[in-house]
Amino acid sequence: MEKRDPDEDEKQYIAPYSKEELDFINNYVDVAGNQNPSMGRRIIRQRRKDAEVPIKDQFREVLDREPTQAELDYLRRFLQIEDMDPYEIGQYLKGLPEHQLSALNTDTEAYEKKLTEGDLATVQRGADIAGAQAQ
């Protein structure tokens, strides 16, 4: 039989759980007072989906791209344990070389344009002065 990667629906069943998630799943008690790990897993899956939205938004805003699954998994844990909020994730992304290089290129182009405009203005003033003195 040929090996294949799991699709998105299958990944939710084999995705590794953190220690905190496993504790939650194994100790989840439903409204009736019964231990219900199945419901605990559903809640964890929903929390993961909910945590992905602000991460994806920050990636689009800061890096202008979608995050990889590995990036989502990594940053989602920080949101889930409330160690970071979406703003802090954006700040983290702004510190990455990918964003820094993009910002540097943008800033460099703007600075170069400003210098060129200044040079043209200086040359024009010099021509005006030279023309006035020649008369």
Foldseek 3Di string as FASTA:
>chain_A
DDDDDDDPVVCLVVPDDDPVLVVQLQQPADPVRHRHSPVSSVVVVVLLVVLLVLLQVLCCVQLVDGDDPVVSVVVSVCVVVVVDDSVVSSVVSCPDPSRVVVVVVVVVVVVVVVVVVVVVVVVVVVVVVVVVVVD
